[in-house]
Amino acid sequence: MSNAPPLFNEIQKLATEQRNPRSMQIDTASVRDILEIMNAEDQL
């Protein structure tokens, strides 16, 4: 059983709140690569 509030448990199941495998390394990417990742995601 989780100690998280019920709303958090519900929200974390939403697809929009899941990790995106296409941007998993965004924190180590260059600015150009980050912008390319973001633009590619906007096209989906």
N, C-alpha and C. Protein backbone atom coordinates (compact mmCIF):
# COMPACT_ATOMS: atom_id res chain seq x y z
N MET A 1 0.83 -1.18 0.00
CA MET A 1 0.00 0.00 0.00
C MET A 1 0.88 1.24 0.00
N SER A 2 0.50 2.22 -0.81
CA SER A 2 1.28 3.44 -0.95
C SER A 2 0.88 4.47 0.10
N ASN A 3 1.85 5.29 0.52
CA ASN A 3 1.56 6.39 1.44
C ASN A 3 1.20 7.67 0.69
N ALA A 4 1.22 7.61 -0.65
CA ALA A 4 0.90 8.79 -1.46
C ALA A 4 -0.59 9.10 -1.36
N PRO A 5 -0.94 10.38 -1.49
CA PRO A 5 -2.36 10.76 -1.47
C PRO A 5 -3.10 10.08 -2.62
N PRO A 6 -4.38 9.77 -2.44
CA PRO A 6 -5.16 9.08 -3.48
C PRO A 6 -5.11 9.77 -4.84
N LEU A 7 -5.18 11.10 -4.87
CA LEU A 7 -5.15 11.82 -6.14
C LEU A 7 -3.83 11.57 -6.87
N PHE A 8 -2.72 11.57 -6.15
CA PHE A 8 -1.42 11.31 -6.76
C PHE A 8 -1.40 9.92 -7.38
N ASN A 9 -1.91 8.94 -6.67
CA ASN A 9 -1.95 7.58 -7.20
C ASN A 9 -2.76 7.51 -8.49
N GLU A 10 -3.84 8.27 -8.54
CA GLU A 10 -4.69 8.29 -9.73
C GLU A 10 -3.98 9.01 -10.89
N ILE A 11 -3.36 10.14 -10.59
CA ILE A 11 -2.68 10.93 -11.62
C ILE A 11 -1.50 10.19 -12.22
N GLN A 12 -0.73 9.49 -11.41
CA GLN A 12 0.48 8.85 -11.92
C GLN A 12 0.18 7.73 -12.91
N LYS A 13 -1.05 7.29 -13.00
CA LYS A 13 -1.45 6.26 -13.97
C LYS A 13 -1.77 6.84 -15.34
N LEU A 14 -1.95 8.15 -15.43
CA LEU A 14 -2.30 8.78 -16.70
C LEU A 14 -1.13 8.69 -17.68
N ALA A 15 -1.44 8.46 -18.95
CA ALA A 15 -0.40 8.37 -19.98
C ALA A 15 0.42 9.65 -20.07
N THR A 16 -0.22 10.79 -19.84
CA THR A 16 0.49 12.07 -19.93
C THR A 16 1.49 12.27 -18.80
N GLU A 17 1.42 11.46 -17.78
CA GLU A 17 2.32 11.59 -16.63
C GLU A 17 3.39 10.50 -16.60
N GLN A 18 3.50 9.72 -17.67
CA GLN A 18 4.49 8.64 -17.74
C GLN A 18 5.78 9.17 -18.35
N ARG A 19 6.87 8.47 -18.10
CA ARG A 19 8.16 8.82 -18.71
C ARG A 19 8.08 8.59 -20.20
N ASN A 20 8.65 9.49 -20.96
CA ASN A 20 8.68 9.38 -22.41
C ASN A 20 10.04 8.81 -22.81
N PRO A 21 10.06 7.61 -23.38
CA PRO A 21 11.35 7.00 -23.73
C PRO A 21 12.15 7.82 -24.75
N ARG A 22 11.48 8.62 -25.55
CA ARG A 22 12.18 9.42 -26.56
C ARG A 22 12.91 10.61 -25.94
N SER A 23 12.59 10.95 -24.71
CA SER A 23 13.27 12.09 -24.08
C SER A 23 13.92 11.73 -22.74
N MET A 24 14.22 10.46 -22.56
CA MET A 24 14.81 10.01 -21.30
C MET A 24 16.18 10.66 -21.01
N GLN A 25 16.92 11.00 -22.05
CA GLN A 25 18.26 11.57 -21.86
C GLN A 25 18.28 13.08 -22.10
N ILE A 26 17.11 13.71 -22.04
CA ILE A 26 17.03 15.14 -22.36
C ILE A 26 17.88 15.99 -21.41
N ASP A 27 18.09 15.53 -20.20
CA ASP A 27 18.87 16.30 -19.23
C ASP A 27 20.36 16.37 -19.57
N THR A 28 20.82 15.49 -20.44
CA THR A 28 22.23 15.51 -20.83
C THR A 28 22.42 15.95 -22.28
N ALA A 29 21.35 16.33 -22.94
CA ALA A 29 21.40 16.72 -24.35
C ALA A 29 21.82 18.18 -24.50
N SER A 30 22.32 18.48 -25.69
CA SER A 30 22.65 19.88 -26.00
C SER A 30 21.35 20.65 -26.22
N VAL A 31 21.45 21.96 -26.21
CA VAL A 31 20.26 22.79 -26.43
C VAL A 31 19.64 22.45 -27.77
N ARG A 32 20.45 22.31 -28.79
CA ARG A 32 19.94 21.96 -30.12
C ARG A 32 19.19 20.64 -30.09
N ASP A 33 19.77 19.63 -29.45
CA ASP A 33 19.12 18.32 -29.37
C ASP A 33 17.82 18.39 -28.57
N ILE A 34 17.80 19.17 -27.51
CA ILE A 34 16.58 19.34 -26.72
C ILE A 34 15.48 19.94 -27.58
N LEU A 35 15.82 20.98 -28.34
CA LEU A 35 14.83 21.61 -29.20
C LEU A 35 14.34 20.65 -30.28
N GLU A 36 15.23 19.83 -30.82
CA GLU A 36 14.82 18.84 -31.82
C GLU A 36 13.89 17.80 -31.21
N ILE A 37 14.19 17.36 -30.00
CA ILE A 37 13.33 16.40 -29.31
C ILE A 37 11.95 17.01 -29.08
N MET A 38 11.94 18.24 -28.58
CA MET A 38 10.66 18.90 -28.29
C MET A 38 9.85 19.12 -29.56
N ASN A 39 10.51 19.57 -30.62
CA ASN A 39 9.81 19.79 -31.89
C ASN A 39 9.27 18.48 -32.46
N ALA A 40 10.03 17.41 -32.35
CA ALA A 40 9.57 16.11 -32.85
C ALA A 40 8.34 15.65 -32.06
N GLU A 41 8.35 15.87 -30.76
CA GLU A 41 7.20 15.49 -29.93
C GLU A 41 5.96 16.31 -30.28
N ASP A 42 6.16 17.57 -30.61
CA ASP A 42 5.03 18.42 -30.99
C ASP A 42 4.38 17.96 -32.29
N GLN A 43 5.15 17.26 -33.13
CA GLN A 43 4.61 16.78 -34.41
C GLN A 43 3.74 15.54 -34.23
N LEU A 44 3.85 14.87 -33.10
CA LEU A 44 3.08 13.63 -32.88
C LEU A 44 1.64 13.93 -32.58
